[in-house]
N, C-alpha and C. Protein backbone atom coordinates (compact mmCIF):
# COMPACT_ATOMS: atom_id res chain seq x y z
N MET A 1 -0.43 12.32 44.84
CA MET A 1 0.61 12.93 44.04
C MET A 1 1.23 11.93 43.08
N ALA A 2 1.37 10.71 43.52
CA ALA A 2 1.96 9.70 42.65
C ALA A 2 1.08 9.44 41.43
N THR A 3 -0.23 9.45 41.61
CA THR A 3 -1.10 9.18 40.48
C THR A 3 -1.06 10.30 39.46
N SER A 4 -0.88 11.55 39.91
CA SER A 4 -0.82 12.65 38.95
C SER A 4 0.45 12.60 38.12
N SER A 5 1.57 12.20 38.72
CA SER A 5 2.79 12.10 37.93
C SER A 5 2.71 10.93 36.95
N ILE A 6 2.04 9.85 37.35
CA ILE A 6 1.85 8.73 36.43
C ILE A 6 0.93 9.17 35.29
N SER A 7 -0.09 9.93 35.63
CA SER A 7 -1.02 10.41 34.62
C SER A 7 -0.30 11.29 33.60
N ILE A 8 0.57 12.18 34.09
CA ILE A 8 1.33 13.05 33.19
C ILE A 8 2.27 12.21 32.33
N PHE A 9 2.93 11.22 32.94
CA PHE A 9 3.83 10.35 32.19
C PHE A 9 3.06 9.60 31.11
N ASN A 10 1.89 9.06 31.45
CA ASN A 10 1.08 8.34 30.47
C ASN A 10 0.63 9.24 29.34
N ARG A 11 0.27 10.49 29.67
CA ARG A 11 -0.18 11.43 28.64
C ARG A 11 0.97 11.75 27.69
N VAL A 12 2.17 12.01 28.23
CA VAL A 12 3.34 12.32 27.39
C VAL A 12 3.70 11.10 26.54
N GLY A 13 3.70 9.92 27.14
CA GLY A 13 4.01 8.70 26.40
C GLY A 13 3.02 8.43 25.29
N SER A 14 1.73 8.63 25.58
CA SER A 14 0.72 8.37 24.55
C SER A 14 0.80 9.41 23.43
N GLN A 15 1.19 10.65 23.75
CA GLN A 15 1.37 11.65 22.70
C GLN A 15 2.52 11.27 21.79
N ARG A 16 3.59 10.75 22.37
CA ARG A 16 4.73 10.31 21.56
C ARG A 16 4.35 9.14 20.65
N ILE A 17 3.61 8.18 21.22
CA ILE A 17 3.18 7.03 20.43
C ILE A 17 2.25 7.50 19.30
N GLY A 18 1.33 8.39 19.63
CA GLY A 18 0.41 8.90 18.63
C GLY A 18 1.11 9.64 17.52
N SER A 19 2.08 10.47 17.88
CA SER A 19 2.84 11.22 16.88
C SER A 19 3.68 10.27 16.02
N PHE A 20 4.34 9.31 16.68
CA PHE A 20 5.15 8.33 15.95
C PHE A 20 4.27 7.53 14.99
N ALA A 21 3.12 7.07 15.49
CA ALA A 21 2.23 6.25 14.67
C ALA A 21 1.77 7.02 13.44
N THR A 22 1.40 8.28 13.63
CA THR A 22 0.91 9.08 12.51
C THR A 22 1.98 9.27 11.46
N TRP A 23 3.19 9.65 11.88
CA TRP A 23 4.25 9.89 10.89
C TRP A 23 4.79 8.60 10.28
N PHE A 24 4.91 7.55 11.09
CA PHE A 24 5.36 6.27 10.56
C PHE A 24 4.40 5.78 9.48
N THR A 25 3.12 5.85 9.77
CA THR A 25 2.15 5.35 8.80
C THR A 25 2.11 6.19 7.53
N ARG A 26 2.32 7.48 7.66
CA ARG A 26 2.38 8.31 6.45
C ARG A 26 3.60 7.98 5.61
N ILE A 27 4.73 7.76 6.26
CA ILE A 27 5.96 7.41 5.54
C ILE A 27 5.79 6.07 4.83
N VAL A 28 5.13 5.12 5.50
CA VAL A 28 4.91 3.80 4.92
C VAL A 28 3.96 3.88 3.73
N LEU A 29 3.07 4.86 3.72
CA LEU A 29 2.13 5.01 2.61
C LEU A 29 2.78 5.60 1.36
N LEU A 30 3.89 6.30 1.52
CA LEU A 30 4.53 6.96 0.37
C LEU A 30 5.01 6.00 -0.72
N PRO A 31 5.80 4.96 -0.41
CA PRO A 31 6.29 4.10 -1.51
C PRO A 31 5.18 3.48 -2.36
N PRO A 32 4.13 2.89 -1.77
CA PRO A 32 3.08 2.33 -2.64
C PRO A 32 2.40 3.40 -3.50
N THR A 33 2.25 4.60 -2.94
CA THR A 33 1.64 5.70 -3.71
C THR A 33 2.52 6.03 -4.92
N LEU A 34 3.80 6.19 -4.67
CA LEU A 34 4.72 6.52 -5.77
C LEU A 34 4.79 5.39 -6.80
N ILE A 35 4.81 4.15 -6.34
CA ILE A 35 4.86 3.01 -7.26
C ILE A 35 3.61 2.98 -8.13
N MET A 36 2.44 3.20 -7.52
CA MET A 36 1.20 3.19 -8.30
C MET A 36 1.17 4.36 -9.30
N ILE A 37 1.70 5.51 -8.92
CA ILE A 37 1.77 6.64 -9.85
C ILE A 37 2.68 6.28 -11.03
N LEU A 38 3.84 5.70 -10.74
CA LEU A 38 4.77 5.32 -11.81
C LEU A 38 4.16 4.27 -12.74
N ILE A 39 3.48 3.28 -12.16
CA ILE A 39 2.82 2.26 -12.98
C ILE A 39 1.75 2.91 -13.85
N GLY A 40 0.94 3.78 -13.24
CA GLY A 40 -0.13 4.44 -13.98
C GLY A 40 0.39 5.27 -15.14
N VAL A 41 1.39 6.08 -14.87
CA VAL A 41 1.96 6.94 -15.91
C VAL A 41 2.59 6.09 -17.01
N ARG A 42 3.29 5.04 -16.62
CA ARG A 42 3.94 4.17 -17.60
C ARG A 42 2.92 3.50 -18.52
N TYR A 43 1.85 2.97 -17.95
CA TYR A 43 0.86 2.27 -18.76
C TYR A 43 -0.02 3.21 -19.58
N ILE A 44 -0.18 4.45 -19.13
CA ILE A 44 -0.98 5.40 -19.92
C ILE A 44 -0.14 6.02 -21.03
N SER A 45 1.08 6.45 -20.70
CA SER A 45 1.89 7.14 -21.70
C SER A 45 2.55 6.20 -22.70
N HIS A 46 2.98 5.02 -22.26
CA HIS A 46 3.67 4.07 -23.14
C HIS A 46 3.13 2.66 -22.88
N PRO A 47 1.90 2.39 -23.28
CA PRO A 47 1.30 1.09 -22.95
C PRO A 47 2.05 -0.10 -23.54
N THR A 48 2.62 0.06 -24.72
CA THR A 48 3.33 -1.08 -25.31
C THR A 48 4.61 -1.38 -24.56
N GLN A 49 5.30 -0.36 -24.07
CA GLN A 49 6.53 -0.58 -23.28
C GLN A 49 6.19 -1.19 -21.93
N GLY A 50 5.10 -0.71 -21.32
CA GLY A 50 4.69 -1.26 -20.03
C GLY A 50 4.35 -2.73 -20.14
N ALA A 51 3.63 -3.10 -21.18
CA ALA A 51 3.26 -4.49 -21.38
C ALA A 51 4.47 -5.32 -21.80
N ALA A 52 5.34 -4.72 -22.61
CA ALA A 52 6.52 -5.45 -23.09
C ALA A 52 7.47 -5.82 -21.96
N ALA A 53 7.46 -5.04 -20.88
CA ALA A 53 8.32 -5.33 -19.74
C ALA A 53 7.98 -6.68 -19.12
N THR A 54 6.73 -7.11 -19.27
CA THR A 54 6.33 -8.41 -18.74
C THR A 54 6.24 -9.46 -19.83
N GLY A 55 6.64 -9.12 -21.05
CA GLY A 55 6.66 -10.09 -22.15
C GLY A 55 5.37 -10.18 -22.93
N VAL A 56 4.48 -9.22 -22.76
CA VAL A 56 3.20 -9.21 -23.47
C VAL A 56 3.34 -8.35 -24.72
N THR A 57 2.78 -8.81 -25.83
CA THR A 57 2.77 -8.05 -27.07
C THR A 57 1.34 -7.56 -27.31
N LEU A 58 1.21 -6.27 -27.54
CA LEU A 58 -0.10 -5.68 -27.83
C LEU A 58 -0.21 -5.54 -29.34
N SER A 59 -1.09 -6.33 -29.94
CA SER A 59 -1.13 -6.38 -31.40
C SER A 59 -2.32 -5.62 -32.00
N THR A 60 -3.24 -5.14 -31.21
CA THR A 60 -4.39 -4.40 -31.75
C THR A 60 -4.55 -3.07 -31.02
N PRO A 61 -5.17 -2.09 -31.66
CA PRO A 61 -5.43 -0.83 -30.97
C PRO A 61 -6.29 -1.02 -29.71
N GLU A 62 -7.20 -1.97 -29.76
CA GLU A 62 -8.04 -2.25 -28.59
C GLU A 62 -7.20 -2.73 -27.40
N ALA A 63 -6.20 -3.55 -27.67
CA ALA A 63 -5.31 -4.04 -26.61
C ALA A 63 -4.53 -2.89 -25.98
N VAL A 64 -4.09 -1.94 -26.82
CA VAL A 64 -3.37 -0.77 -26.30
C VAL A 64 -4.27 0.06 -25.41
N THR A 65 -5.50 0.29 -25.84
CA THR A 65 -6.46 1.07 -25.05
C THR A 65 -6.77 0.36 -23.73
N ASP A 66 -6.97 -0.94 -23.78
CA ASP A 66 -7.25 -1.69 -22.55
C ASP A 66 -6.07 -1.64 -21.59
N THR A 67 -4.86 -1.60 -22.12
CA THR A 67 -3.68 -1.50 -21.27
C THR A 67 -3.61 -0.13 -20.61
N ARG A 68 -4.03 0.90 -21.32
CA ARG A 68 -4.09 2.24 -20.72
C ARG A 68 -5.07 2.27 -19.54
N VAL A 69 -6.12 1.48 -19.63
CA VAL A 69 -7.09 1.40 -18.53
C VAL A 69 -6.42 0.88 -17.26
N VAL A 70 -5.49 -0.06 -17.41
CA VAL A 70 -4.72 -0.55 -16.25
C VAL A 70 -3.99 0.62 -15.59
N GLY A 71 -3.45 1.51 -16.40
CA GLY A 71 -2.79 2.70 -15.87
C GLY A 71 -3.75 3.60 -15.12
N ALA A 72 -4.96 3.73 -15.65
CA ALA A 72 -5.98 4.55 -14.97
C ALA A 72 -6.35 3.94 -13.63
N LEU A 73 -6.46 2.62 -13.58
CA LEU A 73 -6.76 1.95 -12.31
C LEU A 73 -5.64 2.18 -11.29
N ALA A 74 -4.41 2.10 -11.75
CA ALA A 74 -3.27 2.33 -10.85
C ALA A 74 -3.27 3.77 -10.33
N LEU A 75 -3.57 4.73 -11.19
CA LEU A 75 -3.64 6.13 -10.74
C LEU A 75 -4.80 6.35 -9.77
N THR A 76 -5.89 5.65 -9.96
CA THR A 76 -7.01 5.77 -9.04
C THR A 76 -6.63 5.25 -7.66
N ILE A 77 -5.95 4.12 -7.62
CA ILE A 77 -5.49 3.58 -6.34
C ILE A 77 -4.50 4.53 -5.70
N ALA A 78 -3.60 5.12 -6.48
CA ALA A 78 -2.64 6.09 -5.95
C ALA A 78 -3.37 7.29 -5.36
N PHE A 79 -4.43 7.75 -6.02
CA PHE A 79 -5.22 8.88 -5.52
C PHE A 79 -5.88 8.54 -4.18
N VAL A 80 -6.45 7.35 -4.08
CA VAL A 80 -7.10 6.93 -2.84
C VAL A 80 -6.07 6.88 -1.70
N ILE A 81 -4.92 6.32 -1.96
CA ILE A 81 -3.88 6.22 -0.93
C ILE A 81 -3.38 7.60 -0.55
N ALA A 82 -3.10 8.45 -1.55
CA ALA A 82 -2.60 9.80 -1.27
C ALA A 82 -3.62 10.64 -0.50
N SER A 83 -4.89 10.51 -0.86
CA SER A 83 -5.90 11.30 -0.15
C SER A 83 -6.07 10.83 1.29
N SER A 84 -5.74 9.58 1.56
CA SER A 84 -5.84 9.09 2.94
C SER A 84 -4.73 9.66 3.82
N MET A 85 -3.65 10.13 3.21
CA MET A 85 -2.56 10.71 3.99
C MET A 85 -2.87 12.11 4.51
N ALA A 86 -3.89 12.75 3.95
CA ALA A 86 -4.20 14.14 4.31
C ALA A 86 -4.74 14.28 5.72
N SER A 87 -5.37 13.25 6.25
CA SER A 87 -6.00 13.35 7.56
C SER A 87 -5.62 12.15 8.42
N PRO A 88 -5.28 12.38 9.68
CA PRO A 88 -4.97 11.25 10.57
C PRO A 88 -6.15 10.29 10.72
N ASP A 89 -7.36 10.79 10.55
CA ASP A 89 -8.54 9.93 10.67
C ASP A 89 -8.70 9.00 9.49
N ARG A 90 -8.09 9.34 8.34
CA ARG A 90 -8.23 8.50 7.15
C ARG A 90 -7.03 7.62 6.88
N LEU A 91 -6.01 7.68 7.73
CA LEU A 91 -4.81 6.87 7.51
C LEU A 91 -5.13 5.38 7.49
N ARG A 92 -6.02 4.95 8.37
CA ARG A 92 -6.38 3.54 8.42
C ARG A 92 -6.96 3.07 7.08
N MET A 93 -7.75 3.91 6.44
CA MET A 93 -8.34 3.53 5.15
C MET A 93 -7.24 3.33 4.09
N GLY A 94 -6.22 4.16 4.11
CA GLY A 94 -5.10 3.97 3.19
C GLY A 94 -4.41 2.64 3.42
N HIS A 95 -4.21 2.30 4.69
CA HIS A 95 -3.56 1.02 4.99
C HIS A 95 -4.46 -0.16 4.61
N LEU A 96 -5.74 -0.02 4.86
CA LEU A 96 -6.68 -1.09 4.47
C LEU A 96 -6.69 -1.27 2.95
N THR A 97 -6.59 -0.17 2.22
CA THR A 97 -6.54 -0.24 0.75
C THR A 97 -5.32 -1.02 0.30
N ILE A 98 -4.17 -0.70 0.88
CA ILE A 98 -2.93 -1.37 0.48
C ILE A 98 -2.93 -2.83 0.93
N ILE A 99 -3.45 -3.09 2.13
CA ILE A 99 -3.54 -4.48 2.60
C ILE A 99 -4.41 -5.30 1.65
N ALA A 100 -5.55 -4.75 1.28
CA ALA A 100 -6.44 -5.46 0.34
C ALA A 100 -5.76 -5.65 -1.02
N LEU A 101 -5.07 -4.61 -1.49
CA LEU A 101 -4.37 -4.69 -2.77
C LEU A 101 -3.28 -5.74 -2.74
N MET A 102 -2.42 -5.70 -1.72
CA MET A 102 -1.31 -6.66 -1.64
C MET A 102 -1.81 -8.09 -1.44
N ALA A 103 -2.84 -8.26 -0.61
CA ALA A 103 -3.39 -9.60 -0.40
C ALA A 103 -3.99 -10.14 -1.70
N SER A 104 -4.69 -9.28 -2.44
CA SER A 104 -5.27 -9.71 -3.72
C SER A 104 -4.18 -10.05 -4.73
N ILE A 105 -3.16 -9.21 -4.80
CA ILE A 105 -2.06 -9.47 -5.74
C ILE A 105 -1.37 -10.79 -5.40
N LEU A 106 -1.09 -11.02 -4.12
CA LEU A 106 -0.43 -12.26 -3.73
C LEU A 106 -1.32 -13.47 -4.00
N ALA A 107 -2.62 -13.33 -3.78
CA ALA A 107 -3.54 -14.44 -4.07
C ALA A 107 -3.56 -14.75 -5.57
N VAL A 108 -3.58 -13.70 -6.38
CA VAL A 108 -3.58 -13.91 -7.83
C VAL A 108 -2.25 -14.52 -8.28
N ARG A 109 -1.15 -14.10 -7.68
CA ARG A 109 0.15 -14.70 -8.02
C ARG A 109 0.16 -16.19 -7.68
N MET A 110 -0.35 -16.53 -6.50
CA MET A 110 -0.38 -17.94 -6.09
C MET A 110 -1.28 -18.76 -7.04
N PHE A 111 -2.40 -18.15 -7.42
CA PHE A 111 -3.29 -18.79 -8.40
C PHE A 111 -2.53 -19.01 -9.71
N GLY A 112 -1.80 -17.98 -10.14
CA GLY A 112 -1.00 -18.10 -11.37
C GLY A 112 0.08 -19.16 -11.26
N TYR A 113 0.72 -19.23 -10.11
CA TYR A 113 1.74 -20.26 -9.92
C TYR A 113 1.13 -21.66 -10.05
N ALA A 114 -0.06 -21.83 -9.50
CA ALA A 114 -0.71 -23.14 -9.53
C ALA A 114 -1.25 -23.49 -10.92
N HIS A 115 -1.73 -22.50 -11.67
CA HIS A 115 -2.40 -22.78 -12.93
C HIS A 115 -1.57 -22.48 -14.19
N ASP A 116 -0.62 -21.57 -14.08
CA ASP A 116 0.11 -21.15 -15.29
C ASP A 116 1.50 -21.76 -15.40
N GLY A 117 1.97 -22.35 -14.34
CA GLY A 117 3.31 -22.92 -14.37
C GLY A 117 4.41 -21.92 -14.04
N THR A 118 4.04 -20.73 -13.58
CA THR A 118 5.03 -19.73 -13.17
C THR A 118 5.63 -20.18 -11.84
N THR A 119 6.91 -19.87 -11.64
CA THR A 119 7.57 -20.18 -10.36
C THR A 119 8.27 -18.95 -9.83
N LEU A 120 8.67 -19.02 -8.58
CA LEU A 120 9.42 -17.90 -7.98
C LEU A 120 10.76 -17.67 -8.68
N ALA A 121 11.29 -18.70 -9.28
CA ALA A 121 12.60 -18.60 -9.94
C ALA A 121 12.53 -17.88 -11.29
N MET A 122 11.35 -17.68 -11.82
CA MET A 122 11.20 -17.06 -13.14
C MET A 122 11.29 -15.55 -13.05
N GLY A 123 12.09 -14.98 -13.93
CA GLY A 123 12.18 -13.52 -14.04
C GLY A 123 12.40 -12.83 -12.71
N GLU A 124 11.55 -11.87 -12.44
CA GLU A 124 11.66 -11.09 -11.20
C GLU A 124 10.59 -11.47 -10.19
N GLN A 125 10.06 -12.67 -10.30
CA GLN A 125 8.97 -13.09 -9.42
C GLN A 125 9.37 -13.06 -7.94
N LYS A 126 10.57 -13.50 -7.64
CA LYS A 126 11.01 -13.53 -6.24
C LYS A 126 11.08 -12.12 -5.65
N VAL A 127 11.60 -11.18 -6.42
CA VAL A 127 11.69 -9.79 -5.96
C VAL A 127 10.30 -9.20 -5.77
N LYS A 128 9.42 -9.44 -6.73
CA LYS A 128 8.06 -8.90 -6.65
C LYS A 128 7.32 -9.45 -5.43
N VAL A 129 7.38 -10.77 -5.25
CA VAL A 129 6.68 -11.39 -4.12
C VAL A 129 7.26 -10.90 -2.80
N THR A 130 8.57 -10.78 -2.73
CA THR A 130 9.20 -10.30 -1.50
C THR A 130 8.73 -8.88 -1.18
N CYS A 131 8.73 -8.01 -2.16
CA CYS A 131 8.27 -6.63 -1.94
C CYS A 131 6.80 -6.59 -1.54
N GLU A 132 5.99 -7.40 -2.16
CA GLU A 132 4.57 -7.42 -1.81
C GLU A 132 4.35 -7.92 -0.39
N ILE A 133 5.11 -8.91 0.03
CA ILE A 133 4.99 -9.41 1.41
C ILE A 133 5.47 -8.35 2.40
N VAL A 134 6.56 -7.66 2.07
CA VAL A 134 7.06 -6.60 2.95
C VAL A 134 6.04 -5.47 3.06
N PHE A 135 5.46 -5.04 1.93
CA PHE A 135 4.43 -4.00 1.97
C PHE A 135 3.23 -4.46 2.80
N LEU A 136 2.82 -5.70 2.61
CA LEU A 136 1.69 -6.23 3.37
C LEU A 136 1.99 -6.20 4.87
N ALA A 137 3.17 -6.67 5.25
CA ALA A 137 3.54 -6.70 6.68
C ALA A 137 3.64 -5.29 7.26
N LEU A 138 4.27 -4.37 6.53
CA LEU A 138 4.40 -2.99 7.01
C LEU A 138 3.04 -2.33 7.22
N HIS A 139 2.12 -2.59 6.32
CA HIS A 139 0.82 -1.94 6.42
C HIS A 139 -0.08 -2.60 7.46
N VAL A 140 0.11 -3.88 7.71
CA VAL A 140 -0.59 -4.51 8.84
C VAL A 140 -0.08 -3.89 10.14
N LEU A 141 1.24 -3.71 10.25
CA LEU A 141 1.82 -3.07 11.43
C LEU A 141 1.32 -1.63 11.57
N ALA A 142 1.33 -0.89 10.46
CA ALA A 142 0.87 0.51 10.49
C ALA A 142 -0.61 0.60 10.86
N LEU A 143 -1.42 -0.32 10.36
CA LEU A 143 -2.84 -0.34 10.71
C LEU A 143 -3.01 -0.61 12.20
N ALA A 144 -2.22 -1.53 12.74
CA ALA A 144 -2.28 -1.82 14.17
C ALA A 144 -1.87 -0.59 14.99
N LEU A 145 -0.83 0.11 14.55
CA LEU A 145 -0.40 1.33 15.25
C LEU A 145 -1.48 2.40 15.22
N GLN A 146 -2.11 2.58 14.07
CA GLN A 146 -3.17 3.58 13.95
C GLN A 146 -4.37 3.20 14.81
N SER A 147 -4.70 1.93 14.87
CA SER A 147 -5.80 1.48 15.72
C SER A 147 -5.48 1.72 17.18
N PHE A 148 -4.24 1.46 17.57
CA PHE A 148 -3.79 1.71 18.94
C PHE A 148 -3.85 3.21 19.25
N ARG A 149 -3.41 4.02 18.29
CA ARG A 149 -3.46 5.48 18.48
C ARG A 149 -4.89 5.95 18.68
N LEU A 150 -5.81 5.42 17.92
CA LEU A 150 -7.22 5.81 18.06
C LEU A 150 -7.78 5.41 19.42
N LYS A 151 -7.39 4.25 19.92
CA LYS A 151 -7.84 3.82 21.25
C LYS A 151 -7.30 4.75 22.32
N ILE A 152 -6.05 5.16 22.18
CA ILE A 152 -5.44 6.10 23.14
C ILE A 152 -6.19 7.44 23.09
N ASP A 153 -6.47 7.92 21.89
CA ASP A 153 -7.19 9.18 21.74
C ASP A 153 -8.58 9.11 22.35
N GLU A 154 -9.26 8.00 22.16
CA GLU A 154 -10.60 7.83 22.73
C GLU A 154 -10.54 7.77 24.25
N ALA A 155 -9.51 7.11 24.79
CA ALA A 155 -9.37 7.01 26.24
C ALA A 155 -9.08 8.36 26.87
N ARG A 156 -8.38 9.22 26.15
CA ARG A 156 -8.05 10.56 26.65
C ARG A 156 -9.29 11.43 26.78
N GLN A 157 -10.28 11.20 25.93
CA GLN A 157 -11.44 12.06 25.90
C GLN A 157 -12.42 11.69 26.93
């Protein structure tokens, strides 16, 4: 009798963890999706304003078109992240996408700091790096939760 009550307790606890993990990870996926949509729309609809925000001047029509492509890339990433939210089985892929994106962005920033003379004290660099580190940490945690949820689901079957 004791084992059956423990079994019921474990099943209820694992259902709560699974439900929490699924909703937590979906909520964590929303901000990067919205940010990528905003970046995409900004660079496609007003490429000169988007570039000007970082101090870049677009002096040729080709430069404007190439800047719009950055917007298309951002919208593509937003689509991949948003589509991963539709299914609990694809949530991990959304987190992996954001982890890869944030790690790449941070690596490029560090490369820029070393080669371009940019520092954390310049402009909004400190805010950007802090947000990127927070997103990276949240998505590593969310990926771990989703992996744990999948192990629980597999053990139940």
